[in-house]
N, C-alpha and C. Protein backbone atom coordinates (compact mmCIF):
# COMPACT_ATOMS: atom_id res chain seq x y z
N UNK A 1 1.25 -10.82 -13.02
CA UNK A 1 0.51 -9.57 -12.92
C UNK A 1 1.47 -8.39 -12.95
N UNK A 2 1.14 -7.38 -13.72
CA UNK A 2 1.95 -6.17 -13.82
C UNK A 2 1.54 -5.17 -12.75
N UNK A 3 2.51 -4.73 -11.96
CA UNK A 3 2.25 -3.81 -10.86
C UNK A 3 2.70 -2.40 -11.20
N UNK A 4 1.94 -1.44 -10.71
CA UNK A 4 2.36 -0.05 -10.71
C UNK A 4 2.33 0.43 -9.27
N UNK A 5 3.42 1.03 -8.81
CA UNK A 5 3.51 1.47 -7.42
C UNK A 5 3.65 2.98 -7.38
N UNK A 6 2.86 3.62 -6.51
CA UNK A 6 2.91 5.07 -6.34
C UNK A 6 3.59 5.39 -5.01
N UNK A 7 4.56 6.29 -5.04
CA UNK A 7 5.38 6.58 -3.85
C UNK A 7 5.56 8.08 -3.68
N UNK A 8 5.85 8.46 -2.42
CA UNK A 8 6.12 9.86 -2.11
C UNK A 8 7.35 10.04 -1.24
N UNK A 9 7.94 8.95 -0.73
CA UNK A 9 9.01 9.10 0.24
C UNK A 9 10.11 8.07 0.13
N UNK A 10 10.46 7.48 1.27
CA UNK A 10 11.63 6.59 1.29
C UNK A 10 11.41 5.26 0.59
N UNK A 11 10.15 4.79 0.51
CA UNK A 11 9.88 3.60 -0.27
C UNK A 11 10.24 2.29 0.39
N UNK A 12 10.10 2.19 1.71
CA UNK A 12 10.45 0.92 2.36
C UNK A 12 9.47 -0.19 1.97
N UNK A 13 8.20 0.13 1.78
CA UNK A 13 7.26 -0.88 1.32
C UNK A 13 7.50 -1.24 -0.15
N UNK A 14 7.94 -0.29 -0.93
CA UNK A 14 8.37 -0.59 -2.30
C UNK A 14 9.51 -1.59 -2.26
N UNK A 15 10.46 -1.39 -1.36
CA UNK A 15 11.59 -2.31 -1.24
C UNK A 15 11.12 -3.70 -0.86
N UNK A 16 10.11 -3.80 0.01
CA UNK A 16 9.57 -5.10 0.39
C UNK A 16 8.99 -5.82 -0.82
N UNK A 17 8.33 -5.08 -1.70
CA UNK A 17 7.79 -5.68 -2.92
C UNK A 17 8.92 -6.13 -3.83
N UNK A 18 9.92 -5.28 -3.99
CA UNK A 18 11.08 -5.64 -4.82
C UNK A 18 11.74 -6.90 -4.30
N UNK A 19 11.97 -6.96 -3.00
CA UNK A 19 12.63 -8.12 -2.41
C UNK A 19 11.82 -9.39 -2.63
N UNK A 20 10.50 -9.31 -2.45
CA UNK A 20 9.64 -10.48 -2.63
C UNK A 20 9.68 -10.98 -4.06
N UNK A 21 9.73 -10.05 -5.02
CA UNK A 21 9.82 -10.45 -6.43
C UNK A 21 11.17 -11.09 -6.72
N UNK A 22 12.24 -10.47 -6.24
CA UNK A 22 13.58 -10.99 -6.52
C UNK A 22 13.83 -12.33 -5.84
N UNK A 23 13.17 -12.57 -4.71
CA UNK A 23 13.31 -13.84 -4.00
C UNK A 23 12.40 -14.93 -4.56
N UNK A 24 11.57 -14.58 -5.53
CA UNK A 24 10.69 -15.56 -6.15
C UNK A 24 9.43 -15.84 -5.36
N UNK A 25 9.18 -15.08 -4.30
CA UNK A 25 7.96 -15.27 -3.51
C UNK A 25 6.74 -14.64 -4.17
N UNK A 26 6.97 -13.57 -4.89
CA UNK A 26 5.89 -12.82 -5.52
C UNK A 26 6.03 -12.92 -7.03
N UNK A 27 5.08 -13.59 -7.65
CA UNK A 27 5.14 -13.83 -9.10
C UNK A 27 4.50 -12.67 -9.85
N UNK A 28 5.11 -11.52 -9.74
CA UNK A 28 4.60 -10.32 -10.40
C UNK A 28 5.77 -9.56 -11.02
N UNK A 29 5.41 -8.57 -11.82
CA UNK A 29 6.41 -7.73 -12.46
C UNK A 29 6.15 -6.28 -12.09
N UNK A 30 7.19 -5.58 -11.65
CA UNK A 30 7.07 -4.16 -11.35
C UNK A 30 7.22 -3.39 -12.67
N UNK A 31 6.10 -3.02 -13.26
CA UNK A 31 6.13 -2.40 -14.58
C UNK A 31 6.57 -0.95 -14.53
N UNK A 32 6.13 -0.23 -13.48
CA UNK A 32 6.52 1.17 -13.36
C UNK A 32 6.26 1.65 -11.94
N UNK A 33 7.11 2.55 -11.49
CA UNK A 33 6.92 3.24 -10.23
C UNK A 33 6.73 4.72 -10.54
N UNK A 34 5.68 5.32 -9.97
CA UNK A 34 5.43 6.74 -10.15
C UNK A 34 5.71 7.46 -8.85
N UNK A 35 6.59 8.45 -8.90
CA UNK A 35 6.91 9.28 -7.74
C UNK A 35 6.35 10.68 -7.97
N UNK A 36 5.84 11.29 -6.89
CA UNK A 36 5.26 12.62 -7.05
C UNK A 36 6.24 13.74 -6.70
N UNK A 37 7.52 13.37 -6.51
CA UNK A 37 8.54 14.40 -6.31
C UNK A 37 9.93 13.83 -6.57
N UNK A 38 10.85 14.71 -6.86
CA UNK A 38 12.24 14.33 -7.12
C UNK A 38 12.98 14.12 -5.80
N UNK A 39 14.13 13.43 -5.89
CA UNK A 39 15.06 13.36 -4.78
C UNK A 39 14.67 12.47 -3.63
N UNK A 40 13.68 11.64 -3.78
CA UNK A 40 13.26 10.77 -2.68
C UNK A 40 14.00 9.43 -2.76
N UNK A 41 14.07 8.76 -1.62
CA UNK A 41 14.82 7.51 -1.54
C UNK A 41 14.19 6.42 -2.41
N UNK A 42 12.88 6.48 -2.59
CA UNK A 42 12.21 5.47 -3.43
C UNK A 42 12.77 5.45 -4.84
N UNK A 43 13.15 6.61 -5.37
CA UNK A 43 13.73 6.67 -6.70
C UNK A 43 15.09 5.98 -6.72
N UNK A 44 15.87 6.18 -5.68
CA UNK A 44 17.17 5.50 -5.59
C UNK A 44 17.00 3.99 -5.59
N UNK A 45 15.96 3.50 -4.95
CA UNK A 45 15.70 2.06 -4.94
C UNK A 45 15.39 1.57 -6.36
N UNK A 46 14.62 2.35 -7.10
CA UNK A 46 14.31 2.00 -8.49
C UNK A 46 15.59 1.95 -9.32
N UNK A 47 16.43 2.94 -9.16
CA UNK A 47 17.67 2.99 -9.93
C UNK A 47 18.57 1.80 -9.59
N UNK A 48 18.65 1.47 -8.31
CA UNK A 48 19.50 0.38 -7.86
C UNK A 48 19.04 -0.97 -8.41
N UNK A 49 17.73 -1.13 -8.54
CA UNK A 49 17.18 -2.41 -9.00
C UNK A 49 16.73 -2.37 -10.47
N UNK A 50 17.04 -1.27 -11.14
CA UNK A 50 16.74 -1.11 -12.57
C UNK A 50 15.24 -1.27 -12.84
N UNK A 51 14.46 -0.58 -12.07
CA UNK A 51 13.00 -0.61 -12.22
C UNK A 51 12.57 0.68 -12.92
N UNK A 52 11.74 0.58 -13.96
CA UNK A 52 11.28 1.79 -14.65
C UNK A 52 10.51 2.71 -13.69
N UNK A 53 10.78 4.00 -13.78
CA UNK A 53 10.07 4.94 -12.93
C UNK A 53 9.88 6.26 -13.66
N UNK A 54 8.89 7.01 -13.20
CA UNK A 54 8.64 8.35 -13.70
C UNK A 54 8.38 9.26 -12.52
N UNK A 55 8.80 10.51 -12.64
CA UNK A 55 8.50 11.53 -11.64
C UNK A 55 7.45 12.46 -12.23
N UNK A 56 6.29 12.50 -11.57
CA UNK A 56 5.20 13.38 -11.98
C UNK A 56 4.90 14.31 -10.81
N UNK A 57 5.42 15.50 -10.88
CA UNK A 57 5.26 16.47 -9.80
C UNK A 57 3.96 17.24 -9.99
N UNK A 58 3.13 17.22 -8.96
CA UNK A 58 1.82 17.89 -9.05
C UNK A 58 1.96 19.35 -9.47
N UNK A 59 3.02 20.01 -9.05
CA UNK A 59 3.20 21.43 -9.36
C UNK A 59 3.41 21.69 -10.86
N UNK A 60 3.77 20.65 -11.58
CA UNK A 60 4.00 20.80 -13.01
C UNK A 60 2.70 20.74 -13.83
N UNK A 61 1.59 20.53 -13.16
CA UNK A 61 0.31 20.40 -13.85
C UNK A 61 -0.65 21.50 -13.38
N UNK A 62 -1.46 21.98 -14.30
CA UNK A 62 -2.34 23.09 -13.99
C UNK A 62 -3.47 22.69 -13.04
N UNK A 63 -3.86 21.43 -13.06
CA UNK A 63 -4.98 21.00 -12.23
C UNK A 63 -4.73 19.58 -11.72
N UNK A 64 -5.47 19.22 -10.68
CA UNK A 64 -5.42 17.86 -10.16
C UNK A 64 -5.88 16.88 -11.22
N UNK A 65 -6.90 17.27 -11.99
CA UNK A 65 -7.39 16.37 -13.04
C UNK A 65 -6.31 16.06 -14.06
N UNK A 66 -5.58 17.09 -14.49
CA UNK A 66 -4.52 16.88 -15.46
C UNK A 66 -3.42 15.99 -14.87
N UNK A 67 -3.10 16.21 -13.62
CA UNK A 67 -2.09 15.40 -12.93
C UNK A 67 -2.51 13.93 -12.88
N UNK A 68 -3.74 13.67 -12.50
CA UNK A 68 -4.20 12.28 -12.39
C UNK A 68 -4.36 11.64 -13.76
N UNK A 69 -4.79 12.39 -14.74
CA UNK A 69 -4.89 11.85 -16.10
C UNK A 69 -3.53 11.40 -16.60
N UNK A 70 -2.49 12.17 -16.26
CA UNK A 70 -1.14 11.78 -16.69
C UNK A 70 -0.68 10.54 -15.96
N UNK A 71 -1.02 10.41 -14.68
CA UNK A 71 -0.68 9.19 -13.94
C UNK A 71 -1.38 7.99 -14.54
N UNK A 72 -2.66 8.13 -14.81
CA UNK A 72 -3.42 7.02 -15.40
C UNK A 72 -2.80 6.60 -16.72
N UNK A 73 -2.45 7.58 -17.55
CA UNK A 73 -1.87 7.27 -18.85
C UNK A 73 -0.54 6.53 -18.70
N UNK A 74 0.29 6.98 -17.77
CA UNK A 74 1.59 6.32 -17.55
C UNK A 74 1.40 4.87 -17.09
N UNK A 75 0.44 4.65 -16.22
CA UNK A 75 0.18 3.29 -15.73
C UNK A 75 -0.38 2.41 -16.83
N UNK A 76 -1.30 2.95 -17.60
CA UNK A 76 -1.89 2.16 -18.68
C UNK A 76 -0.87 1.85 -19.76
N UNK A 77 -0.01 2.80 -20.06
CA UNK A 77 1.04 2.56 -21.06
C UNK A 77 1.99 1.46 -20.62
N UNK A 78 2.16 1.31 -19.30
CA UNK A 78 3.04 0.26 -18.77
C UNK A 78 2.30 -1.07 -18.59
N UNK A 79 1.03 -1.10 -18.95
CA UNK A 79 0.27 -2.34 -18.84
C UNK A 79 -0.05 -2.75 -17.41
N UNK A 80 -0.18 -1.78 -16.53
CA UNK A 80 -0.40 -2.07 -15.11
C UNK A 80 -1.78 -2.66 -14.88
N UNK A 81 -1.81 -3.74 -14.09
CA UNK A 81 -3.06 -4.41 -13.75
C UNK A 81 -3.49 -4.17 -12.30
N UNK A 82 -2.53 -3.85 -11.44
CA UNK A 82 -2.83 -3.54 -10.04
C UNK A 82 -1.99 -2.35 -9.62
N UNK A 83 -2.65 -1.35 -9.02
CA UNK A 83 -1.95 -0.15 -8.54
C UNK A 83 -1.80 -0.26 -7.03
N UNK A 84 -0.56 -0.08 -6.56
CA UNK A 84 -0.26 -0.19 -5.13
C UNK A 84 0.21 1.15 -4.62
N UNK A 85 -0.47 1.68 -3.61
CA UNK A 85 -0.03 2.90 -2.97
C UNK A 85 0.88 2.52 -1.81
N UNK A 86 2.14 2.90 -1.90
CA UNK A 86 3.12 2.53 -0.89
C UNK A 86 3.75 3.80 -0.33
N UNK A 87 3.03 4.42 0.61
CA UNK A 87 3.49 5.69 1.14
C UNK A 87 3.22 6.84 0.19
N UNK A 88 2.17 6.73 -0.61
CA UNK A 88 1.79 7.81 -1.53
C UNK A 88 0.90 8.78 -0.77
N UNK A 89 1.33 10.02 -0.66
CA UNK A 89 0.71 10.97 0.26
C UNK A 89 -0.30 11.88 -0.41
N UNK A 90 -1.08 11.34 -1.33
CA UNK A 90 -2.12 12.12 -1.98
C UNK A 90 -3.41 11.30 -2.04
N UNK A 91 -4.52 11.99 -1.91
CA UNK A 91 -5.84 11.36 -2.02
C UNK A 91 -6.21 11.32 -3.50
N UNK A 92 -6.62 10.15 -3.96
CA UNK A 92 -6.97 9.97 -5.37
C UNK A 92 -8.45 10.25 -5.59
N UNK A 93 -8.74 10.85 -6.71
CA UNK A 93 -10.12 11.23 -7.03
C UNK A 93 -10.84 10.09 -7.75
N UNK A 94 -12.17 10.20 -7.92
CA UNK A 94 -12.91 9.20 -8.68
C UNK A 94 -12.38 9.02 -10.09
N UNK A 95 -11.85 10.09 -10.69
CA UNK A 95 -11.30 9.98 -12.04
C UNK A 95 -10.24 8.89 -12.11
N UNK A 96 -9.32 8.89 -11.13
CA UNK A 96 -8.26 7.88 -11.12
C UNK A 96 -8.83 6.51 -10.79
N UNK A 97 -9.66 6.44 -9.78
CA UNK A 97 -10.16 5.14 -9.31
C UNK A 97 -11.03 4.44 -10.36
N UNK A 98 -11.76 5.20 -11.15
CA UNK A 98 -12.59 4.59 -12.19
C UNK A 98 -11.75 3.95 -13.29
N UNK A 99 -10.52 4.41 -13.44
CA UNK A 99 -9.63 3.83 -14.45
C UNK A 99 -9.13 2.44 -14.04
N UNK A 100 -9.16 2.18 -12.71
CA UNK A 100 -8.69 0.89 -12.19
C UNK A 100 -9.68 0.39 -11.14
N UNK A 101 -10.88 0.01 -11.55
CA UNK A 101 -11.92 -0.38 -10.59
C UNK A 101 -11.52 -1.60 -9.76
N UNK A 102 -11.55 -1.43 -8.43
CA UNK A 102 -11.16 -2.49 -7.49
C UNK A 102 -9.77 -3.03 -7.80
N UNK A 103 -8.93 -2.15 -8.32
CA UNK A 103 -7.56 -2.53 -8.66
C UNK A 103 -6.56 -1.54 -8.08
N UNK A 104 -6.94 -0.85 -7.01
CA UNK A 104 -6.04 0.06 -6.31
C UNK A 104 -6.06 -0.31 -4.84
N UNK A 105 -4.88 -0.63 -4.28
CA UNK A 105 -4.80 -0.98 -2.86
C UNK A 105 -3.82 -0.05 -2.15
N UNK A 106 -3.98 0.03 -0.83
CA UNK A 106 -3.14 0.91 -0.03
C UNK A 106 -2.74 0.18 1.25
N UNK A 107 -1.57 0.54 1.79
CA UNK A 107 -1.13 0.07 3.10
C UNK A 107 -1.19 1.27 4.04
N UNK A 108 -1.91 1.10 5.17
CA UNK A 108 -2.08 2.20 6.12
C UNK A 108 -1.65 1.73 7.51
N UNK A 109 -0.89 2.56 8.25
CA UNK A 109 -0.32 2.12 9.53
C UNK A 109 -1.28 2.27 10.72
N UNK A 110 -2.48 1.71 10.58
CA UNK A 110 -3.40 1.60 11.70
C UNK A 110 -4.39 0.49 11.39
N UNK A 111 -5.15 0.11 12.38
CA UNK A 111 -6.22 -0.86 12.17
C UNK A 111 -7.47 -0.07 11.78
N UNK A 112 -7.60 0.21 10.49
CA UNK A 112 -8.75 1.01 10.04
C UNK A 112 -10.04 0.29 10.41
N UNK A 113 -11.08 1.08 10.74
CA UNK A 113 -11.23 2.52 10.50
C UNK A 113 -10.64 3.42 11.58
N UNK A 114 -9.87 2.88 12.50
CA UNK A 114 -9.24 3.73 13.52
C UNK A 114 -8.09 4.53 12.91
N UNK A 115 -7.93 5.76 13.33
CA UNK A 115 -6.78 6.60 13.04
C UNK A 115 -6.48 6.71 11.54
N UNK A 116 -7.47 7.23 10.85
CA UNK A 116 -7.30 7.45 9.41
C UNK A 116 -6.49 8.72 9.17
N UNK A 117 -5.97 8.85 7.96
CA UNK A 117 -5.26 10.06 7.59
C UNK A 117 -3.81 10.07 8.04
N UNK A 118 -3.26 11.28 8.16
CA UNK A 118 -1.84 11.44 8.47
C UNK A 118 -1.53 11.12 9.93
N UNK A 119 -0.26 10.75 10.16
CA UNK A 119 0.26 10.56 11.53
C UNK A 119 -0.55 9.56 12.33
N UNK A 120 -0.88 8.44 11.71
CA UNK A 120 -1.72 7.43 12.38
C UNK A 120 -1.04 6.88 13.63
N UNK A 121 0.28 6.67 13.57
CA UNK A 121 0.98 6.15 14.74
C UNK A 121 0.97 7.15 15.89
N UNK A 122 1.13 8.43 15.58
CA UNK A 122 1.07 9.46 16.61
C UNK A 122 -0.33 9.50 17.22
N UNK A 123 -1.33 9.37 16.39
CA UNK A 123 -2.71 9.35 16.90
C UNK A 123 -2.91 8.18 17.87
N UNK A 124 -2.38 7.01 17.51
CA UNK A 124 -2.55 5.83 18.35
C UNK A 124 -1.87 6.00 19.71
N UNK A 125 -0.65 6.53 19.70
CA UNK A 125 0.09 6.72 20.95
C UNK A 125 -0.61 7.76 21.83
N UNK A 126 -1.04 8.86 21.23
CA UNK A 126 -1.68 9.92 21.99
C UNK A 126 -3.04 9.50 22.53
N UNK A 127 -3.73 8.65 21.79
CA UNK A 127 -5.05 8.19 22.24
C UNK A 127 -4.93 7.20 23.38
N UNK A 128 -3.78 6.51 23.45
CA UNK A 128 -3.57 5.55 24.52
C UNK A 128 -4.09 4.16 24.26
N UNK A 129 -4.24 3.78 22.98
CA UNK A 129 -4.72 2.43 22.68
C UNK A 129 -3.68 1.40 23.08
N UNK A 130 -4.12 0.18 23.32
CA UNK A 130 -3.23 -0.90 23.72
C UNK A 130 -2.82 -1.77 22.54
N UNK A 131 -3.60 -1.71 21.46
CA UNK A 131 -3.32 -2.49 20.25
C UNK A 131 -3.35 -1.56 19.06
N UNK A 132 -2.37 -1.69 18.20
CA UNK A 132 -2.36 -0.97 16.93
C UNK A 132 -2.01 -1.96 15.83
N UNK A 133 -1.71 -1.46 14.66
CA UNK A 133 -1.38 -2.39 13.58
C UNK A 133 -1.36 -1.70 12.23
N UNK A 134 -1.52 -2.50 11.19
CA UNK A 134 -1.53 -1.98 9.83
C UNK A 134 -2.60 -2.70 9.02
N UNK A 135 -3.05 -2.04 7.98
CA UNK A 135 -4.16 -2.53 7.16
C UNK A 135 -3.82 -2.40 5.69
N UNK A 136 -4.12 -3.44 4.93
CA UNK A 136 -4.12 -3.33 3.47
C UNK A 136 -5.58 -3.33 3.03
N UNK A 137 -5.96 -2.30 2.29
CA UNK A 137 -7.36 -2.17 1.91
C UNK A 137 -7.49 -1.68 0.47
N UNK A 138 -8.66 -1.94 -0.10
CA UNK A 138 -8.96 -1.35 -1.39
C UNK A 138 -9.19 0.14 -1.22
N UNK A 139 -8.75 0.92 -2.17
CA UNK A 139 -8.87 2.37 -2.10
C UNK A 139 -10.23 2.80 -2.65
N UNK A 140 -10.91 3.64 -1.89
CA UNK A 140 -12.17 4.23 -2.32
C UNK A 140 -12.04 5.75 -2.25
N UNK A 141 -13.14 6.42 -2.54
CA UNK A 141 -13.11 7.88 -2.53
C UNK A 141 -12.92 8.45 -1.13
N UNK A 142 -13.29 7.68 -0.10
CA UNK A 142 -13.13 8.12 1.28
C UNK A 142 -11.74 7.77 1.78
N UNK A 143 -11.10 8.68 2.47
CA UNK A 143 -9.72 8.50 2.91
C UNK A 143 -9.59 7.33 3.88
N UNK A 144 -8.73 6.36 3.53
CA UNK A 144 -8.40 5.22 4.39
C UNK A 144 -9.65 4.52 4.90
N UNK A 145 -10.66 4.39 4.04
CA UNK A 145 -11.95 3.83 4.47
C UNK A 145 -12.40 2.69 3.58
N UNK A 146 -11.52 2.18 2.71
CA UNK A 146 -11.91 1.13 1.79
C UNK A 146 -12.01 -0.23 2.46
N UNK A 147 -12.64 -1.19 1.78
CA UNK A 147 -12.79 -2.54 2.32
C UNK A 147 -11.45 -3.17 2.70
N UNK A 148 -11.41 -3.75 3.90
CA UNK A 148 -10.18 -4.32 4.44
C UNK A 148 -9.91 -5.69 3.81
N UNK A 149 -8.69 -5.87 3.33
CA UNK A 149 -8.28 -7.16 2.79
C UNK A 149 -7.56 -7.97 3.86
N UNK A 150 -6.63 -7.34 4.56
CA UNK A 150 -5.87 -8.03 5.61
C UNK A 150 -5.36 -7.01 6.61
N UNK A 151 -5.17 -7.48 7.84
CA UNK A 151 -4.62 -6.63 8.90
C UNK A 151 -3.61 -7.41 9.72
N UNK A 152 -2.71 -6.66 10.35
CA UNK A 152 -1.78 -7.23 11.32
C UNK A 152 -1.81 -6.34 12.55
N UNK A 153 -1.69 -6.94 13.72
CA UNK A 153 -1.77 -6.15 14.95
C UNK A 153 -0.56 -6.40 15.83
N UNK A 154 -0.27 -5.43 16.69
CA UNK A 154 0.82 -5.55 17.65
C UNK A 154 0.49 -4.69 18.86
N UNK A 155 1.05 -5.01 20.03
CA UNK A 155 0.75 -4.22 21.23
C UNK A 155 1.45 -2.87 21.17
N UNK A 156 0.78 -1.88 21.73
CA UNK A 156 1.40 -0.58 21.94
C UNK A 156 1.96 -0.58 23.35
N UNK A 157 3.27 -0.43 23.47
CA UNK A 157 3.93 -0.51 24.77
C UNK A 157 3.84 0.82 25.51
N UNK A 158 3.88 0.77 26.84
CA UNK A 158 3.79 2.02 27.61
C UNK A 158 4.86 3.04 27.23
N UNK A 159 6.04 2.55 26.85
CA UNK A 159 7.14 3.47 26.52
C UNK A 159 7.17 3.86 25.05
N UNK A 160 6.23 3.36 24.24
CA UNK A 160 6.24 3.65 22.81
C UNK A 160 6.07 5.14 22.53
N UNK A 161 6.79 5.59 21.51
CA UNK A 161 6.60 6.91 20.92
C UNK A 161 6.10 6.71 19.50
N UNK A 162 5.77 7.80 18.86
CA UNK A 162 5.38 7.70 17.45
C UNK A 162 6.49 7.01 16.64
N UNK A 163 7.74 7.34 16.93
CA UNK A 163 8.86 6.80 16.16
C UNK A 163 9.06 5.30 16.42
N UNK A 164 9.02 4.89 17.69
CA UNK A 164 9.26 3.47 17.99
C UNK A 164 8.11 2.60 17.48
N UNK A 165 6.88 3.09 17.63
CA UNK A 165 5.74 2.32 17.12
C UNK A 165 5.81 2.21 15.61
N UNK A 166 6.16 3.30 14.94
CA UNK A 166 6.28 3.29 13.48
C UNK A 166 7.31 2.27 13.02
N UNK A 167 8.45 2.24 13.71
CA UNK A 167 9.54 1.33 13.33
C UNK A 167 9.12 -0.12 13.51
N UNK A 168 8.44 -0.43 14.60
CA UNK A 168 8.00 -1.80 14.84
C UNK A 168 6.92 -2.22 13.86
N UNK A 169 6.08 -1.27 13.48
CA UNK A 169 5.01 -1.56 12.52
C UNK A 169 5.56 -1.92 11.14
N UNK A 170 6.68 -1.32 10.77
CA UNK A 170 7.23 -1.55 9.43
C UNK A 170 7.47 -3.03 9.15
N UNK A 171 7.93 -3.77 10.16
CA UNK A 171 8.17 -5.20 9.98
C UNK A 171 6.90 -5.91 9.53
N UNK A 172 5.77 -5.51 10.09
CA UNK A 172 4.49 -6.10 9.73
C UNK A 172 4.04 -5.64 8.35
N UNK A 173 4.20 -4.35 8.08
CA UNK A 173 3.83 -3.81 6.77
C UNK A 173 4.57 -4.53 5.65
N UNK A 174 5.85 -4.77 5.88
CA UNK A 174 6.68 -5.36 4.82
C UNK A 174 6.33 -6.81 4.53
N UNK A 175 5.59 -7.43 5.41
CA UNK A 175 5.12 -8.80 5.18
C UNK A 175 3.71 -8.84 4.61
N UNK A 176 2.86 -7.97 5.16
CA UNK A 176 1.44 -8.06 4.79
C UNK A 176 1.17 -7.54 3.38
N UNK A 177 1.89 -6.50 2.96
CA UNK A 177 1.62 -5.92 1.63
C UNK A 177 1.98 -6.88 0.50
N UNK A 178 3.18 -7.47 0.46
CA UNK A 178 3.47 -8.42 -0.62
C UNK A 178 2.53 -9.63 -0.59
N UNK A 179 2.12 -10.07 0.62
CA UNK A 179 1.21 -11.21 0.70
C UNK A 179 -0.12 -10.89 0.03
N UNK A 180 -0.67 -9.72 0.31
CA UNK A 180 -1.94 -9.35 -0.31
C UNK A 180 -1.80 -9.26 -1.83
N UNK A 181 -0.71 -8.67 -2.29
CA UNK A 181 -0.48 -8.60 -3.74
C UNK A 181 -0.44 -10.00 -4.34
N UNK A 182 0.21 -10.92 -3.65
CA UNK A 182 0.28 -12.30 -4.12
C UNK A 182 -1.11 -12.91 -4.22
N UNK A 183 -1.93 -12.72 -3.18
CA UNK A 183 -3.29 -13.27 -3.20
C UNK A 183 -4.10 -12.69 -4.36
N UNK A 184 -3.98 -11.38 -4.59
CA UNK A 184 -4.72 -10.77 -5.70
C UNK A 184 -4.24 -11.32 -7.03
N UNK A 185 -2.94 -11.48 -7.19
CA UNK A 185 -2.39 -12.00 -8.45
C UNK A 185 -2.84 -13.43 -8.72
N UNK A 186 -3.14 -14.16 -7.64
CA UNK A 186 -3.64 -15.53 -7.78
C UNK A 186 -5.14 -15.61 -7.99
N UNK A 187 -5.80 -14.47 -7.99
CA UNK A 187 -7.24 -14.43 -8.20
C UNK A 187 -8.04 -14.93 -7.02
N UNK A 188 -7.48 -14.85 -5.82
CA UNK A 188 -8.13 -15.42 -4.64
C UNK A 188 -8.90 -14.41 -3.80
N UNK A 189 -8.79 -13.13 -4.13
CA UNK A 189 -9.44 -12.09 -3.33
C UNK A 189 -10.81 -11.77 -3.94
N UNK A 190 -11.85 -11.97 -3.15
CA UNK A 190 -13.22 -11.76 -3.60
C UNK A 190 -13.91 -10.75 -2.69
N UNK A 191 -14.70 -9.87 -3.28
CA UNK A 191 -15.39 -8.84 -2.50
C UNK A 191 -16.90 -8.99 -2.64
N UNK A 192 -17.57 -8.75 -1.51
CA UNK A 192 -19.03 -8.68 -1.47
C UNK A 192 -19.38 -7.43 -0.67
N UNK A 193 -19.57 -6.32 -1.37
CA UNK A 193 -19.76 -5.05 -0.67
C UNK A 193 -18.48 -4.68 0.05
N UNK A 194 -18.59 -4.48 1.38
CA UNK A 194 -17.40 -4.15 2.16
C UNK A 194 -16.66 -5.39 2.63
N UNK A 195 -17.25 -6.55 2.49
CA UNK A 195 -16.63 -7.77 2.99
C UNK A 195 -15.67 -8.34 1.94
N UNK A 196 -14.43 -8.59 2.37
CA UNK A 196 -13.40 -9.14 1.48
C UNK A 196 -12.92 -10.46 2.06
N UNK A 197 -12.90 -11.48 1.23
CA UNK A 197 -12.41 -12.78 1.67
C UNK A 197 -11.33 -13.27 0.71
N UNK A 198 -10.37 -14.00 1.27
CA UNK A 198 -9.30 -14.63 0.48
C UNK A 198 -9.59 -16.12 0.44
N UNK A 199 -9.83 -16.64 -0.75
CA UNK A 199 -10.18 -18.05 -0.89
C UNK A 199 -9.05 -18.93 -0.38
N UNK A 200 -9.40 -19.88 0.49
CA UNK A 200 -8.43 -20.84 1.00
C UNK A 200 -7.57 -20.34 2.13
N UNK A 201 -7.76 -19.09 2.56
CA UNK A 201 -6.93 -18.52 3.63
C UNK A 201 -7.46 -18.97 4.99
N UNK A 202 -6.56 -19.00 5.97
CA UNK A 202 -6.92 -19.34 7.34
C UNK A 202 -7.20 -18.06 8.11
N UNK A 203 -8.41 -17.99 8.69
CA UNK A 203 -8.80 -16.80 9.46
C UNK A 203 -8.78 -17.11 10.95
N UNK A 204 -8.76 -16.03 11.72
CA UNK A 204 -8.86 -16.17 13.17
C UNK A 204 -7.54 -16.24 13.89
N UNK A 205 -6.42 -16.17 13.17
CA UNK A 205 -5.12 -16.22 13.82
C UNK A 205 -4.55 -14.82 13.97
N UNK A 206 -3.73 -14.63 14.96
CA UNK A 206 -3.07 -13.35 15.20
C UNK A 206 -1.57 -13.57 15.32
N UNK A 207 -0.73 -12.59 14.94
CA UNK A 207 -1.07 -11.18 14.70
C UNK A 207 -1.57 -10.86 13.30
N UNK A 208 -1.54 -11.84 12.37
CA UNK A 208 -1.97 -11.56 11.02
C UNK A 208 -3.33 -12.21 10.79
N UNK A 209 -4.23 -11.46 10.15
CA UNK A 209 -5.55 -12.00 9.88
C UNK A 209 -6.04 -11.47 8.53
N UNK A 210 -6.18 -12.37 7.52
CA UNK A 210 -5.93 -13.81 7.57
C UNK A 210 -4.45 -14.13 7.74
N UNK A 211 -4.17 -15.36 8.07
CA UNK A 211 -2.79 -15.77 8.31
C UNK A 211 -1.97 -15.70 7.03
N UNK A 212 -0.73 -15.27 7.16
CA UNK A 212 0.16 -15.20 6.00
C UNK A 212 0.59 -16.60 5.60
N UNK A 213 0.87 -16.74 4.31
CA UNK A 213 1.27 -18.03 3.79
C UNK A 213 2.71 -18.07 3.30
N UNK A 214 3.15 -16.99 2.70
CA UNK A 214 4.46 -17.00 2.04
C UNK A 214 5.41 -15.94 2.59
N UNK A 215 4.93 -15.04 3.42
CA UNK A 215 5.74 -13.88 3.80
C UNK A 215 5.84 -13.76 5.32
């Protein structure tokens, strides 16, 4: 399966995908990475691993529609079959999503539908929850509200800050995202409305649900 990854920052989840591919765990090809700004660490990762990338800065386009049309064209030209948002800090419109129906996924650092949007870890710490986690979900028009494919959870410690919780969550994110991509590439992910099931997966185990197989 040909992957297209959208990034806005340091790209640690992008690196997790790269590592999984290079280790032979993920049988996919990174066809192109699209960054929405120059000078970010994610671009350095692409250069280091010789992965094709393009920088499409929103400010260079007269409208959001023109910006998204250019992204869609770049992904289609690269033969992308699955679009992965890995720290991409923009909300995608129906125009983009219709180009890749049920083929856009996102990793979000909370157990959605809790703490949607920006600063999810800060929201969790300030709210005082005892359990937090991360979610891989299909992207819909509503922010961080798409059907859940997989989640991982971890305790929020009394001494946790936004920074410490974020750092601990990354370990889970880096495992759950490549696993979901692998399941999709194997054709095992099936949706019925909001309900998503992975064929042959083991459910009911924690901290990962469904249980991870390869990551």
